[in-house]
Structures are given as structure tokens and as C-alpha cells.
Amino acid sequence: MINTKKRVWFHIWCIVLAIVLINLPVIFTYFYHDITNLPKAVNGSLDLSGVDQVDGDIFLDGQWEFYWNSFVESEPDKIYTADLMIEVPDSWSGYKVNGKRLSSAGYGLQFLKQSCTL
């Protein structure tokens, strides 16, 4: 009887440990900016001036201008008005433009105002 209870608890703890280990990449992605101290985009801008050198990738998470069903040229003399600011990573089908919910069918452009080099 006691052995059976110990086995049950052992199996429960193994399952909990397996679930935690499987979700570690998700947890790392969620807390990426807190762990690495790398900046996150705010209002369509990403300031990398305080970043020395990074081994690996920099995720472009944050708020970006979003143009629904449009291709925007990145010419400095042209002025475009974004349809909305979208949080990246995210699905645009949860947002509304002109009172209409965006469908998953269509295309959009997330606009980076300036290119950045380290």
C-alpha cells in the first residue's frame, strides 16, 4: 500500500518535470528580453545603440507599424500612415482596421523605419 502511494507520487513528479522541461523553450522565448537585457521595439523603433555585440540573433519583438493589404516603399520623402501598431510576435487576425476584424487571408507589412547595424 505504501509502495503504491510512493509510485503514484513518483509518476506524478516525473510528469510535472517532463512538462516543465518540454516548456523551457517557450518560457525562454517569453522572458527573452528580461534574460538577455536586449531592447524591445517601442512605437515602431528599436534602439540598439546600447548594445555592444551580440552572439546570435536579436529578436525584433515589440510594437511595429502595420499596413494592412499594402506594400510600403521605404523612401524617406514619402509619408505613410500606419493602419495600426501591432505587437510582434502575434497574429494580425486579432486586430481591427476601420472597425473590421482582420482575417487571416490577406497580407500586411510590418515596417522597420531604419536599418540598424551593430
PDB file of N, CA and C in Angstrom:
ATOM      1  N   MET A   1       0.824  -1.191   0.000  1.00  0.00           N
ATOM      2  CA  MET A   1       0.000   0.000   0.000  1.00  0.00           C
ATOM      3  C   MET A   1       0.872   1.260   0.000  1.00  0.00           C
ATOM      4  N   ILE A   2       1.875   1.294   0.869  1.00  0.00           N
ATOM      5  CA  ILE A   2       2.764   2.444   0.933  1.00  0.00           C
ATOM      6  C   ILE A   2       3.587   2.526  -0.350  1.00  0.00           C
ATOM      7  N   ASN A   3       4.045   1.398  -0.850  1.00  0.00           N
ATOM      8  CA  ASN A   3       4.807   1.366  -2.102  1.00  0.00           C
ATOM      9  C   ASN A   3       3.974   1.900  -3.262  1.00  0.00           C
ATOM     10  N   THR A   4       2.701   1.586  -3.288  1.00  0.00           N
ATOM     11  CA  THR A   4       1.827   2.051  -4.355  1.00  0.00           C
ATOM     12  C   THR A   4       1.694   3.568  -4.312  1.00  0.00           C
ATOM     13  N   LYS A   5       1.542   4.151  -3.116  1.00  0.00           N
ATOM     14  CA  LYS A   5       1.438   5.606  -2.982  1.00  0.00           C
ATOM     15  C   LYS A   5       2.730   6.281  -3.420  1.00  0.00           C
ATOM     16  N   LYS A   6       3.872   5.700  -3.072  1.00  0.00           N
ATOM     17  CA  LYS A   6       5.158   6.272  -3.485  1.00  0.00           C
ATOM     18  C   LYS A   6       5.308   6.234  -4.998  1.00  0.00           C
ATOM     19  N   ARG A   7       4.887   5.141  -5.607  1.00  0.00           N
ATOM     20  CA  ARG A   7       4.958   5.037  -7.067  1.00  0.00           C
ATOM     21  C   ARG A   7       4.070   6.083  -7.748  1.00  0.00           C
ATOM     22  N   VAL A   8       2.876   6.272  -7.211  1.00  0.00           N
ATOM     23  CA  VAL A   8       1.961   7.259  -7.783  1.00  0.00           C
ATOM     24  C   VAL A   8       2.589   8.647  -7.703  1.00  0.00           C
ATOM     25  N   TRP A   9       3.135   9.015  -6.533  1.00  0.00           N
ATOM     26  CA  TRP A   9       3.772  10.327  -6.375  1.00  0.00           C
ATOM     27  C   TRP A   9       5.009  10.450  -7.270  1.00  0.00           C
ATOM     28  N   PHE A  10       5.754   9.371  -7.409  1.00  0.00           N
ATOM     29  CA  PHE A  10       6.921   9.386  -8.295  1.00  0.00           C
ATOM     30  C   PHE A  10       6.498   9.661  -9.738  1.00  0.00           C
ATOM     31  N   HIS A  11       5.444   8.997 -10.186  1.00  0.00           N
ATOM     32  CA  HIS A  11       4.958   9.197 -11.545  1.00  0.00           C
ATOM     33  C   HIS A  11       4.411  10.618 -11.749  1.00  0.00           C
ATOM     34  N   ILE A  12       3.719  11.121 -10.746  1.00  0.00           N
ATOM     35  CA  ILE A  12       3.204  12.499 -10.837  1.00  0.00           C
ATOM     36  C   ILE A  12       4.358  13.483 -10.969  1.00  0.00           C
ATOM     37  N   TRP A  13       5.393  13.335 -10.141  1.00  0.00           N
ATOM     38  CA  TRP A  13       6.545  14.247 -10.206  1.00  0.00           C
ATOM     39  C   TRP A  13       7.302  14.107 -11.525  1.00  0.00           C
ATOM     40  N   CYS A  14       7.368  12.904 -12.055  1.00  0.00           N
ATOM     41  CA  CYS A  14       8.016  12.717 -13.363  1.00  0.00           C
ATOM     42  C   CYS A  14       7.240  13.429 -14.464  1.00  0.00           C
ATOM     43  N   ILE A  15       5.927  13.353 -14.408  1.00  0.00           N
ATOM     44  CA  ILE A  15       5.098  14.029 -15.408  1.00  0.00           C
ATOM     45  C   ILE A  15       5.248  15.542 -15.292  1.00  0.00           C
ATOM     46  N   VAL A  16       5.234  16.066 -14.068  1.00  0.00           N
ATOM     47  CA  VAL A  16       5.404  17.505 -13.853  1.00  0.00           C
ATOM     48  C   VAL A  16       6.766  17.953 -14.362  1.00  0.00           C
ATOM     49  N   LEU A  17       7.811  17.205 -14.063  1.00  0.00           N
ATOM     50  CA  LEU A  17       9.158  17.543 -14.527  1.00  0.00           C
ATOM     51  C   LEU A  17       9.241  17.505 -16.047  1.00  0.00           C
ATOM     52  N   ALA A  18       8.632  16.518 -16.664  1.00  0.00           N
ATOM     53  CA  ALA A  18       8.631  16.427 -18.130  1.00  0.00           C
ATOM     54  C   ALA A  18       7.914  17.622 -18.748  1.00  0.00           C
ATOM     55  N   ILE A  19       6.787  18.025 -18.176  1.00  0.00           N
ATOM     56  CA  ILE A  19       6.043  19.185 -18.696  1.00  0.00           C
ATOM     57  C   ILE A  19       6.882  20.453 -18.582  1.00  0.00           C
ATOM     58  N   VAL A  20       7.559  20.635 -17.459  1.00  0.00           N
ATOM     59  CA  VAL A  20       8.415  21.819 -17.281  1.00  0.00           C
ATOM     60  C   VAL A  20       9.558  21.809 -18.290  1.00  0.00           C
ATOM     61  N   LEU A  21      10.221  20.678 -18.461  1.00  0.00           N
ATOM     62  CA  LEU A  21      11.346  20.603 -19.397  1.00  0.00           C
ATOM     63  C   LEU A  21      10.906  20.821 -20.848  1.00  0.00           C
ATOM     64  N   ILE A  22       9.745  20.309 -21.203  1.00  0.00           N
ATOM     65  CA  ILE A  22       9.237  20.489 -22.558  1.00  0.00           C
ATOM     66  C   ILE A  22       8.935  21.968 -22.824  1.00  0.00           C
ATOM     67  N   ASN A  23       8.489  22.687 -21.803  1.00  0.00           N
ATOM     68  CA  ASN A  23       8.099  24.085 -21.976  1.00  0.00           C
ATOM     69  C   ASN A  23       9.228  25.078 -21.746  1.00  0.00           C
ATOM     70  N   LEU A  24      10.437  24.638 -21.470  1.00  0.00           N
ATOM     71  CA  LEU A  24      11.546  25.570 -21.262  1.00  0.00           C
ATOM     72  C   LEU A  24      11.799  26.497 -22.450  1.00  0.00           C
ATOM     73  N   PRO A  25      11.770  26.010 -23.699  1.00  0.00           N
ATOM     74  CA  PRO A  25      11.947  26.949 -24.817  1.00  0.00           C
ATOM     75  C   PRO A  25      10.867  28.029 -24.874  1.00  0.00           C
ATOM     76  N   VAL A  26       9.653  27.675 -24.540  1.00  0.00           N
ATOM     77  CA  VAL A  26       8.566  28.650 -24.527  1.00  0.00           C
ATOM     78  C   VAL A  26       8.807  29.682 -23.434  1.00  0.00           C
ATOM     79  N   ILE A  27       9.211  29.211 -22.275  1.00  0.00           N
ATOM     80  CA  ILE A  27       9.496  30.113 -21.158  1.00  0.00           C
ATOM     81  C   ILE A  27      10.650  31.038 -21.502  1.00  0.00           C
ATOM     82  N   PHE A  28      11.713  30.505 -22.125  1.00  0.00           N
ATOM     83  CA  PHE A  28      12.848  31.332 -22.528  1.00  0.00           C
ATOM     84  C   PHE A  28      12.412  32.395 -23.528  1.00  0.00           C
ATOM     85  N   THR A  29      11.587  32.023 -24.505  1.00  0.00           N
ATOM     86  CA  THR A  29      11.126  32.981 -25.506  1.00  0.00           C
ATOM     87  C   THR A  29      10.288  34.075 -24.858  1.00  0.00           C
ATOM     88  N   TYR A  30       9.449  33.717 -23.918  1.00  0.00           N
ATOM     89  CA  TYR A  30       8.591  34.691 -23.249  1.00  0.00           C
ATOM     90  C   TYR A  30       9.420  35.708 -22.453  1.00  0.00           C
ATOM     91  N   PHE A  31      10.470  35.242 -21.781  1.00  0.00           N
ATOM     92  CA  PHE A  31      11.303  36.115 -20.947  1.00  0.00           C
ATOM     93  C   PHE A  31      12.616  36.482 -21.617  1.00  0.00           C
ATOM     94  N   TYR A  32      12.711  36.358 -22.964  1.00  0.00           N
ATOM     95  CA  TYR A  32      13.949  36.595 -23.698  1.00  0.00           C
ATOM     96  C   TYR A  32      14.567  37.955 -23.384  1.00  0.00           C
ATOM     97  N   HIS A  33      13.780  39.001 -23.435  1.00  0.00           N
ATOM     98  CA  HIS A  33      14.324  40.348 -23.237  1.00  0.00           C
ATOM     99  C   HIS A  33      14.739  40.590 -21.789  1.00  0.00           C
ATOM    100  N   ASP A  34      14.049  39.969 -20.840  1.00  0.00           N
ATOM    101  CA  ASP A  34      14.451  40.095 -19.438  1.00  0.00           C
ATOM    102  C   ASP A  34      15.747  39.339 -19.160  1.00  0.00           C
ATOM    103  N   ILE A  35      15.918  38.195 -19.790  1.00  0.00           N
ATOM    104  CA  ILE A  35      17.103  37.367 -19.563  1.00  0.00           C
ATOM    105  C   ILE A  35      18.333  37.971 -20.230  1.00  0.00           C
ATOM    106  N   THR A  36      18.183  38.447 -21.463  1.00  0.00           N
ATOM    107  CA  THR A  36      19.330  38.926 -22.240  1.00  0.00           C
ATOM    108  C   THR A  36      19.583  40.425 -22.106  1.00  0.00           C
ATOM    109  N   ASN A  37      18.652  41.164 -21.513  1.00  0.00           N
ATOM    110  CA  ASN A  37      18.746  42.622 -21.387  1.00  0.00           C
ATOM    111  C   ASN A  37      18.839  43.315 -22.738  1.00  0.00           C
ATOM    112  N   LEU A  38      18.332  42.692 -23.800  1.00  0.00           N
ATOM    113  CA  LEU A  38      18.285  43.322 -25.115  1.00  0.00           C
ATOM    114  C   LEU A  38      17.000  44.136 -25.228  1.00  0.00           C
ATOM    115  N   PRO A  39      17.037  45.232 -25.987  1.00  0.00           N
ATOM    116  CA  PRO A  39      15.862  46.101 -26.071  1.00  0.00           C
ATOM    117  C   PRO A  39      14.726  45.476 -26.869  1.00  0.00           C
ATOM    118  N   LYS A  40      13.547  46.015 -26.643  1.00  0.00           N
ATOM    119  CA  LYS A  40      12.332  45.601 -27.333  1.00  0.00           C
ATOM    120  C   LYS A  40      11.813  46.817 -28.099  1.00  0.00           C
ATOM    121  N   ALA A  41      11.246  46.604 -29.261  1.00  0.00           N
ATOM    122  CA  ALA A  41      10.737  47.713 -30.073  1.00  0.00           C
ATOM    123  C   ALA A  41       9.568  48.397 -29.377  1.00  0.00           C
ATOM    124  N   VAL A  42       9.579  49.734 -29.408  1.00  0.00           N
ATOM    125  CA  VAL A  42       8.507  50.533 -28.832  1.00  0.00           C
ATOM    126  C   VAL A  42       8.095  51.571 -29.867  1.00  0.00           C
ATOM    127  N   ASN A  43       6.815  51.611 -30.186  1.00  0.00           N
ATOM    128  CA  ASN A  43       6.267  52.557 -31.166  1.00  0.00           C
ATOM    129  C   ASN A  43       7.004  52.520 -32.499  1.00  0.00           C
ATOM    130  N   GLY A  44       7.369  51.349 -32.953  1.00  0.00           N
ATOM    131  CA  GLY A  44       7.996  51.202 -34.264  1.00  0.00           C
ATOM    132  C   GLY A  44       9.471  51.504 -34.309  1.00  0.00           C
ATOM    133  N   SER A  45      10.119  51.642 -33.166  1.00  0.00           N
ATOM    134  CA  SER A  45      11.560  51.929 -33.135  1.00  0.00           C
ATOM    135  C   SER A  45      12.266  50.935 -32.230  1.00  0.00           C
ATOM    136  N   LEU A  46      13.444  50.557 -32.639  1.00  0.00           N
ATOM    137  CA  LEU A  46      14.274  49.651 -31.854  1.00  0.00           C
ATOM    138  C   LEU A  46      15.633  50.303 -31.691  1.00  0.00           C
ATOM    139  N   ASP A  47      15.967  50.690 -30.476  1.00  0.00           N
ATOM    140  CA  ASP A  47      17.223  51.377 -30.203  1.00  0.00           C
ATOM    141  C   ASP A  47      18.284  50.356 -29.815  1.00  0.00           C
ATOM    142  N   LEU A  48      19.251  50.150 -30.700  1.00  0.00           N
ATOM    143  CA  LEU A  48      20.339  49.209 -30.448  1.00  0.00           C
ATOM    144  C   LEU A  48      21.642  49.927 -30.109  1.00  0.00           C
ATOM    145  N   SER A  49      21.570  51.212 -29.802  1.00  0.00           N
ATOM    146  CA  SER A  49      22.789  51.966 -29.529  1.00  0.00           C
ATOM    147  C   SER A  49      23.495  51.494 -28.256  1.00  0.00           C
ATOM    148  N   GLY A  50      22.766  50.967 -27.301  1.00  0.00           N
ATOM    149  CA  GLY A  50      23.369  50.500 -26.061  1.00  0.00           C
ATOM    150  C   GLY A  50      23.850  49.061 -26.111  1.00  0.00           C
ATOM    151  N   VAL A  51      23.703  48.416 -27.255  1.00  0.00           N
ATOM    152  CA  VAL A  51      24.088  47.015 -27.399  1.00  0.00           C
ATOM    153  C   VAL A  51      25.486  46.959 -27.994  1.00  0.00           C
ATOM    154  N   ASP A  52      26.417  46.318 -27.283  1.00  0.00           N
ATOM    155  CA  ASP A  52      27.791  46.222 -27.775  1.00  0.00           C
ATOM    156  C   ASP A  52      27.887  45.247 -28.934  1.00  0.00           C
ATOM    157  N   GLN A  53      27.872  43.993 -28.625  1.00  0.00           N
ATOM    158  CA  GLN A  53      27.932  42.959 -29.650  1.00  0.00           C
ATOM    159  C   GLN A  53      27.154  41.762 -29.137  1.00  0.00           C
ATOM    160  N   VAL A  54      26.429  41.152 -30.037  1.00  0.00           N
ATOM    161  CA  VAL A  54      25.569  40.041 -29.659  1.00  0.00           C
ATOM    162  C   VAL A  54      26.016  38.800 -30.404  1.00  0.00           C
ATOM    163  N   ASP A  55      26.177  37.719 -29.663  1.00  0.00           N
ATOM    164  CA  ASP A  55      26.439  36.435 -30.304  1.00  0.00           C
ATOM    165  C   ASP A  55      25.091  35.791 -30.570  1.00  0.00           C
ATOM    166  N   GLY A  56      24.739  35.678 -31.830  1.00  0.00           N
ATOM    167  CA  GLY A  56      23.453  35.081 -32.173  1.00  0.00           C
ATOM    168  C   GLY A  56      22.495  36.107 -32.728  1.00  0.00           C
ATOM    169  N   ASP A  57      21.217  35.819 -32.579  1.00  0.00           N
ATOM    170  CA  ASP A  57      20.169  36.636 -33.182  1.00  0.00           C
ATOM    171  C   ASP A  57      19.624  37.656 -32.192  1.00  0.00           C
ATOM    172  N   ILE A  58      19.066  38.721 -32.737  1.00  0.00           N
ATOM    173  CA  ILE A  58      18.302  39.683 -31.955  1.00  0.00           C
ATOM    174  C   ILE A  58      16.864  39.575 -32.443  1.00  0.00           C
ATOM    175  N   PHE A  59      15.955  39.273 -31.538  1.00  0.00           N
ATOM    176  CA  PHE A  59      14.552  39.166 -31.902  1.00  0.00           C
ATOM    177  C   PHE A  59      13.967  40.563 -32.043  1.00  0.00           C
ATOM    178  N   LEU A  60      13.158  40.757 -33.060  1.00  0.00           N
ATOM    179  CA  LEU A  60      12.549  42.055 -33.309  1.00  0.00           C
ATOM    180  C   LEU A  60      11.169  42.133 -32.668  1.00  0.00           C
ATOM    181  N   ASP A  61      11.065  41.658 -31.449  1.00  0.00           N
ATOM    182  CA  ASP A  61       9.802  41.694 -30.723  1.00  0.00           C
ATOM    183  C   ASP A  61       9.453  43.131 -30.365  1.00  0.00           C
ATOM    184  N   GLY A  62       8.180  43.376 -30.216  1.00  0.00           N
ATOM    185  CA  GLY A  62       7.728  44.685 -29.770  1.00  0.00           C
ATOM    186  C   GLY A  62       6.629  45.234 -30.648  1.00  0.00           C
ATOM    187  N   GLN A  63       6.474  46.557 -30.609  1.00  0.00           N
ATOM    188  CA  GLN A  63       5.417  47.235 -31.350  1.00  0.00           C
ATOM    189  C   GLN A  63       5.953  47.742 -32.682  1.00  0.00           C
ATOM    190  N   TRP A  64       5.271  47.382 -33.758  1.00  0.00           N
ATOM    191  CA  TRP A  64       5.678  47.797 -35.094  1.00  0.00           C
ATOM    192  C   TRP A  64       4.484  48.361 -35.846  1.00  0.00           C
ATOM    193  N   GLU A  65       4.766  49.288 -36.751  1.00  0.00           N
ATOM    194  CA  GLU A  65       3.719  49.818 -37.621  1.00  0.00           C
ATOM    195  C   GLU A  65       3.239  48.701 -38.540  1.00  0.00           C
ATOM    196  N   PHE A  66       1.936  48.665 -38.784  1.00  0.00           N
ATOM    197  CA  PHE A  66       1.358  47.602 -39.585  1.00  0.00           C
ATOM    198  C   PHE A  66       0.470  48.216 -40.658  1.00  0.00           C
ATOM    199  N   TYR A  67       0.694  47.812 -41.896  1.00  0.00           N
ATOM    200  CA  TYR A  67      -0.059  48.305 -43.049  1.00  0.00           C
ATOM    201  C   TYR A  67      -0.816  47.133 -43.654  1.00  0.00           C
ATOM    202  N   TRP A  68      -2.152  47.146 -43.547  1.00  0.00           N
ATOM    203  CA  TRP A  68      -2.980  46.041 -43.999  1.00  0.00           C
ATOM    204  C   TRP A  68      -3.212  46.131 -45.500  1.00  0.00           C
ATOM    205  N   ASN A  69      -2.984  45.005 -46.193  1.00  0.00           N
ATOM    206  CA  ASN A  69      -3.148  44.885 -47.637  1.00  0.00           C
ATOM    207  C   ASN A  69      -2.406  45.980 -48.400  1.00  0.00           C
ATOM    208  N   SER A  70      -1.211  46.301 -47.959  1.00  0.00           N
ATOM    209  CA  SER A  70      -0.404  47.345 -48.598  1.00  0.00           C
ATOM    210  C   SER A  70       1.058  46.923 -48.623  1.00  0.00           C
ATOM    211  N   PHE A  71       1.740  47.339 -49.675  1.00  0.00           N
ATOM    212  CA  PHE A  71       3.188  47.249 -49.719  1.00  0.00           C
ATOM    213  C   PHE A  71       3.696  48.680 -49.654  1.00  0.00           C
ATOM    214  N   VAL A  72       4.533  48.965 -48.685  1.00  0.00           N
ATOM    215  CA  VAL A  72       5.006  50.323 -48.460  1.00  0.00           C
ATOM    216  C   VAL A  72       6.459  50.419 -48.888  1.00  0.00           C
ATOM    217  N   GLU A  73       6.761  51.442 -49.663  1.00  0.00           N
ATOM    218  CA  GLU A  73       8.142  51.686 -50.058  1.00  0.00           C
ATOM    219  C   GLU A  73       8.854  52.410 -48.916  1.00  0.00           C
ATOM    220  N   SER A  74      10.082  52.071 -48.696  1.00  0.00           N
ATOM    221  CA  SER A  74      10.825  52.720 -47.617  1.00  0.00           C
ATOM    222  C   SER A  74      11.645  53.880 -48.173  1.00  0.00           C
ATOM    223  N   GLU A  75      10.948  54.864 -48.693  1.00  0.00           N
ATOM    224  CA  GLU A  75      11.594  56.058 -49.202  1.00  0.00           C
ATOM    225  C   GLU A  75      11.376  57.189 -48.208  1.00  0.00           C
ATOM    226  N   PRO A  76      12.443  57.897 -47.825  1.00  0.00           N
ATOM    227  CA  PRO A  76      12.311  58.907 -46.778  1.00  0.00           C
ATOM    228  C   PRO A  76      11.410  60.084 -47.152  1.00  0.00           C
ATOM    229  N   ASP A  77      11.245  60.392 -48.434  1.00  0.00           N
ATOM    230  CA  ASP A  77      10.445  61.549 -48.813  1.00  0.00           C
ATOM    231  C   ASP A  77       8.946  61.251 -48.868  1.00  0.00           C
ATOM    232  N   LYS A  78       8.555  60.005 -48.803  1.00  0.00           N
ATOM    233  CA  LYS A  78       7.141  59.651 -48.819  1.00  0.00           C
ATOM    234  C   LYS A  78       6.650  59.443 -47.386  1.00  0.00           C
ATOM    235  N   ILE A  79       5.447  59.897 -47.138  1.00  0.00           N
ATOM    236  CA  ILE A  79       4.857  59.774 -45.807  1.00  0.00           C
ATOM    237  C   ILE A  79       3.698  58.782 -45.879  1.00  0.00           C
ATOM    238  N   TYR A  80       3.746  57.783 -45.035  1.00  0.00           N
ATOM    239  CA  TYR A  80       2.695  56.775 -44.957  1.00  0.00           C
ATOM    240  C   TYR A  80       2.112  56.790 -43.557  1.00  0.00           C
ATOM    241  N   THR A  81       0.846  56.510 -43.465  1.00  0.00           N
ATOM    242  CA  THR A  81       0.202  56.420 -42.166  1.00  0.00           C
ATOM    243  C   THR A  81      -0.133  54.956 -41.905  1.00  0.00           C
ATOM    244  N   ALA A  82       0.385  54.449 -40.801  1.00  0.00           N
ATOM    245  CA  ALA A  82       0.141  53.043 -40.460  1.00  0.00           C
ATOM    246  C   ALA A  82      -1.317  52.832 -40.095  1.00  0.00           C
ATOM    247  N   ASP A  83      -1.829  51.659 -40.447  1.00  0.00           N
ATOM    248  CA  ASP A  83      -3.196  51.308 -40.069  1.00  0.00           C
ATOM    249  C   ASP A  83      -3.310  51.097 -38.566  1.00  0.00           C
ATOM    250  N   LEU A  84      -2.289  50.517 -37.992  1.00  0.00           N
ATOM    251  CA  LEU A  84      -2.271  50.284 -36.548  1.00  0.00           C
ATOM    252  C   LEU A  84      -0.874  49.895 -36.107  1.00  0.00           C
ATOM    253  N   MET A  85      -0.670  49.877 -34.806  1.00  0.00           N
ATOM    254  CA  MET A  85       0.562  49.353 -34.226  1.00  0.00           C
ATOM    255  C   MET A  85       0.245  47.930 -33.786  1.00  0.00           C
ATOM    256  N   ILE A  86       1.100  46.999 -34.174  1.00  0.00           N
ATOM    257  CA  ILE A  86       0.858  45.588 -33.876  1.00  0.00           C
ATOM    258  C   ILE A  86       1.989  45.071 -32.996  1.00  0.00           C
ATOM    259  N   GLU A  87       1.646  44.198 -32.089  1.00  0.00           N
ATOM    260  CA  GLU A  87       2.634  43.581 -31.198  1.00  0.00           C
ATOM    261  C   GLU A  87       3.210  42.360 -31.895  1.00  0.00           C
ATOM    262  N   VAL A  88       4.529  42.265 -31.929  1.00  0.00           N
ATOM    263  CA  VAL A  88       5.216  41.141 -32.568  1.00  0.00           C
ATOM    264  C   VAL A  88       5.935  40.349 -31.488  1.00  0.00           C
ATOM    265  N   PRO A  89       5.834  39.067 -31.410  1.00  0.00           N
ATOM    266  CA  PRO A  89       5.092  38.174 -32.292  1.00  0.00           C
ATOM    267  C   PRO A  89       3.613  38.140 -31.908  1.00  0.00           C
ATOM    268  N   ASP A  90       2.775  38.089 -32.903  1.00  0.00           N
ATOM    269  CA  ASP A  90       1.335  37.998 -32.700  1.00  0.00           C
ATOM    270  C   ASP A  90       0.677  37.696 -34.042  1.00  0.00           C
ATOM    271  N   SER A  91      -0.575  37.379 -34.012  1.00  0.00           N
ATOM    272  CA  SER A  91      -1.348  37.140 -35.225  1.00  0.00           C
ATOM    273  C   SER A  91      -2.174  38.385 -35.513  1.00  0.00           C
ATOM    274  N   TRP A  92      -2.174  38.864 -36.754  1.00  0.00           N
ATOM    275  CA  TRP A  92      -2.918  40.079 -37.058  1.00  0.00           C
ATOM    276  C   TRP A  92      -4.418  39.849 -37.080  1.00  0.00           C
ATOM    277  N   SER A  93      -4.859  38.597 -37.090  1.00  0.00           N
ATOM    278  CA  SER A  93      -6.292  38.337 -37.159  1.00  0.00           C
ATOM    279  C   SER A  93      -7.023  38.745 -35.885  1.00  0.00           C
ATOM    280  N   GLY A  94      -6.319  39.117 -34.852  1.00  0.00           N
ATOM    281  CA  GLY A  94      -6.964  39.587 -33.635  1.00  0.00           C
ATOM    282  C   GLY A  94      -7.156  41.097 -33.604  1.00  0.00           C
ATOM    283  N   TYR A  95      -6.681  41.808 -34.616  1.00  0.00           N
ATOM    284  CA  TYR A  95      -6.745  43.264 -34.645  1.00  0.00           C
ATOM    285  C   TYR A  95      -7.875  43.748 -35.548  1.00  0.00           C
ATOM    286  N   LYS A  96      -8.249  45.027 -35.395  1.00  0.00           N
ATOM    287  CA  LYS A  96      -9.286  45.638 -36.225  1.00  0.00           C
ATOM    288  C   LYS A  96      -8.711  46.847 -36.946  1.00  0.00           C
ATOM    289  N   VAL A  97      -9.117  47.027 -38.218  1.00  0.00           N
ATOM    290  CA  VAL A  97      -8.796  48.207 -39.012  1.00  0.00           C
ATOM    291  C   VAL A  97     -10.110  48.755 -39.542  1.00  0.00           C
ATOM    292  N   ASN A  98     -10.361  50.027 -39.298  1.00  0.00           N
ATOM    293  CA  ASN A  98     -11.619  50.682 -39.716  1.00  0.00           C
ATOM    294  C   ASN A  98     -12.841  49.927 -39.202  1.00  0.00           C
ATOM    295  N   GLY A  99     -12.764  49.426 -37.980  1.00  0.00           N
ATOM    296  CA  GLY A  99     -13.888  48.732 -37.360  1.00  0.00           C
ATOM    297  C   GLY A  99     -14.102  47.304 -37.818  1.00  0.00           C
ATOM    298  N   LYS A 100     -13.276  46.819 -38.749  1.00  0.00           N
ATOM    299  CA  LYS A 100     -13.424  45.451 -39.246  1.00  0.00           C
ATOM    300  C   LYS A 100     -12.280  44.591 -38.716  1.00  0.00           C
ATOM    301  N   ARG A 101     -12.629  43.406 -38.240  1.00  0.00           N
ATOM    302  CA  ARG A 101     -11.625  42.466 -37.771  1.00  0.00           C
ATOM    303  C   ARG A 101     -10.850  41.924 -38.966  1.00  0.00           C
ATOM    304  N   LEU A 102      -9.527  41.909 -38.860  1.00  0.00           N
ATOM    305  CA  LEU A 102      -8.688  41.415 -39.954  1.00  0.00           C
ATOM    306  C   LEU A 102      -8.796  39.901 -40.045  1.00  0.00           C
ATOM    307  N   SER A 103      -8.904  39.401 -41.250  1.00  0.00           N
ATOM    308  CA  SER A 103      -8.962  37.954 -41.438  1.00  0.00           C
ATOM    309  C   SER A 103      -7.548  37.414 -41.618  1.00  0.00           C
ATOM    310  N   SER A 104      -7.425  36.125 -41.557  1.00  0.00           N
ATOM    311  CA  SER A 104      -6.106  35.525 -41.759  1.00  0.00           C
ATOM    312  C   SER A 104      -5.725  35.523 -43.235  1.00  0.00           C
ATOM    313  N   ALA A 105      -6.712  35.726 -44.112  1.00  0.00           N
ATOM    314  CA  ALA A 105      -6.434  35.840 -45.541  1.00  0.00           C
ATOM    315  C   ALA A 105      -6.115  37.298 -45.848  1.00  0.00           C
ATOM    316  N   GLY A 106      -5.059  37.529 -46.558  1.00  0.00           N
ATOM    317  CA  GLY A 106      -4.635  38.888 -46.869  1.00  0.00           C
ATOM    318  C   GLY A 106      -3.147  38.997 -46.637  1.00  0.00           C
ATOM    319  N   TYR A 107      -2.671  40.199 -46.634  1.00  0.00           N
ATOM    320  CA  TYR A 107      -1.250  40.407 -46.388  1.00  0.00           C
ATOM    321  C   TYR A 107      -1.066  41.734 -45.675  1.00  0.00           C
ATOM    322  N   GLY A 108       0.036  41.853 -45.024  1.00  0.00           N
ATOM    323  CA  GLY A 108       0.340  43.079 -44.319  1.00  0.00           C
ATOM    324  C   GLY A 108       1.839  43.261 -44.284  1.00  0.00           C
ATOM    325  N   LEU A 109       2.250  44.442 -43.937  1.00  0.00           N
ATOM    326  CA  LEU A 109       3.659  44.775 -43.874  1.00  0.00           C
ATOM    327  C   LEU A 109       3.944  45.378 -42.517  1.00  0.00           C
ATOM    328  N   GLN A 110       4.932  44.837 -41.851  1.00  0.00           N
ATOM    329  CA  GLN A 110       5.395  45.444 -40.613  1.00  0.00           C
ATOM    330  C   GLN A 110       6.619  46.245 -40.985  1.00  0.00           C
ATOM    331  N   PHE A 111       6.597  47.501 -40.674  1.00  0.00           N
ATOM    332  CA  PHE A 111       7.565  48.432 -41.225  1.00  0.00           C
ATOM    333  C   PHE A 111       8.650  48.759 -40.206  1.00  0.00           C
ATOM    334  N   LEU A 112       9.882  48.596 -40.630  1.00  0.00           N
ATOM    335  CA  LEU A 112      11.046  48.981 -39.848  1.00  0.00           C
ATOM    336  C   LEU A 112      11.512  50.316 -40.396  1.00  0.00           C
ATOM    337  N   LYS A 113      11.487  51.360 -39.569  1.00  0.00           N
ATOM    338  CA  LYS A 113      11.786  52.707 -40.048  1.00  0.00           C
ATOM    339  C   LYS A 113      13.210  52.872 -40.552  1.00  0.00           C
ATOM    340  N   GLN A 114      14.172  52.333 -39.825  1.00  0.00           N
ATOM    341  CA  GLN A 114      15.557  52.480 -40.229  1.00  0.00           C
ATOM    342  C   GLN A 114      16.273  51.162 -40.000  1.00  0.00           C
ATOM    343  N   SER A 115      17.253  50.896 -40.826  1.00  0.00           N
ATOM    344  CA  SER A 115      18.043  49.694 -40.597  1.00  0.00           C
ATOM    345  C   SER A 115      19.069  49.988 -39.514  1.00  0.00           C
ATOM    346  N   CYS A 116      19.419  48.963 -38.789  1.00  0.00           N
ATOM    347  CA  CYS A 116      20.343  49.132 -37.671  1.00  0.00           C
ATOM    348  C   CYS A 116      21.548  48.223 -37.873  1.00  0.00           C
ATOM    349  N   THR A 117      22.708  48.704 -37.524  1.00  0.00           N
ATOM    350  CA  THR A 117      23.893  47.872 -37.532  1.00  0.00           C
ATOM    351  C   THR A 117      24.554  47.944 -36.174  1.00  0.00           C
ATOM    352  N   LEU A 118      25.203  46.888 -35.813  1.00  0.00           N
ATOM    353  CA  LEU A 118      25.918  46.858 -34.529  1.00  0.00           C
ATOM    354  C   LEU A 118      27.383  47.130 -34.746  1.00  0.00           C
TER     355      LEU A 118
END
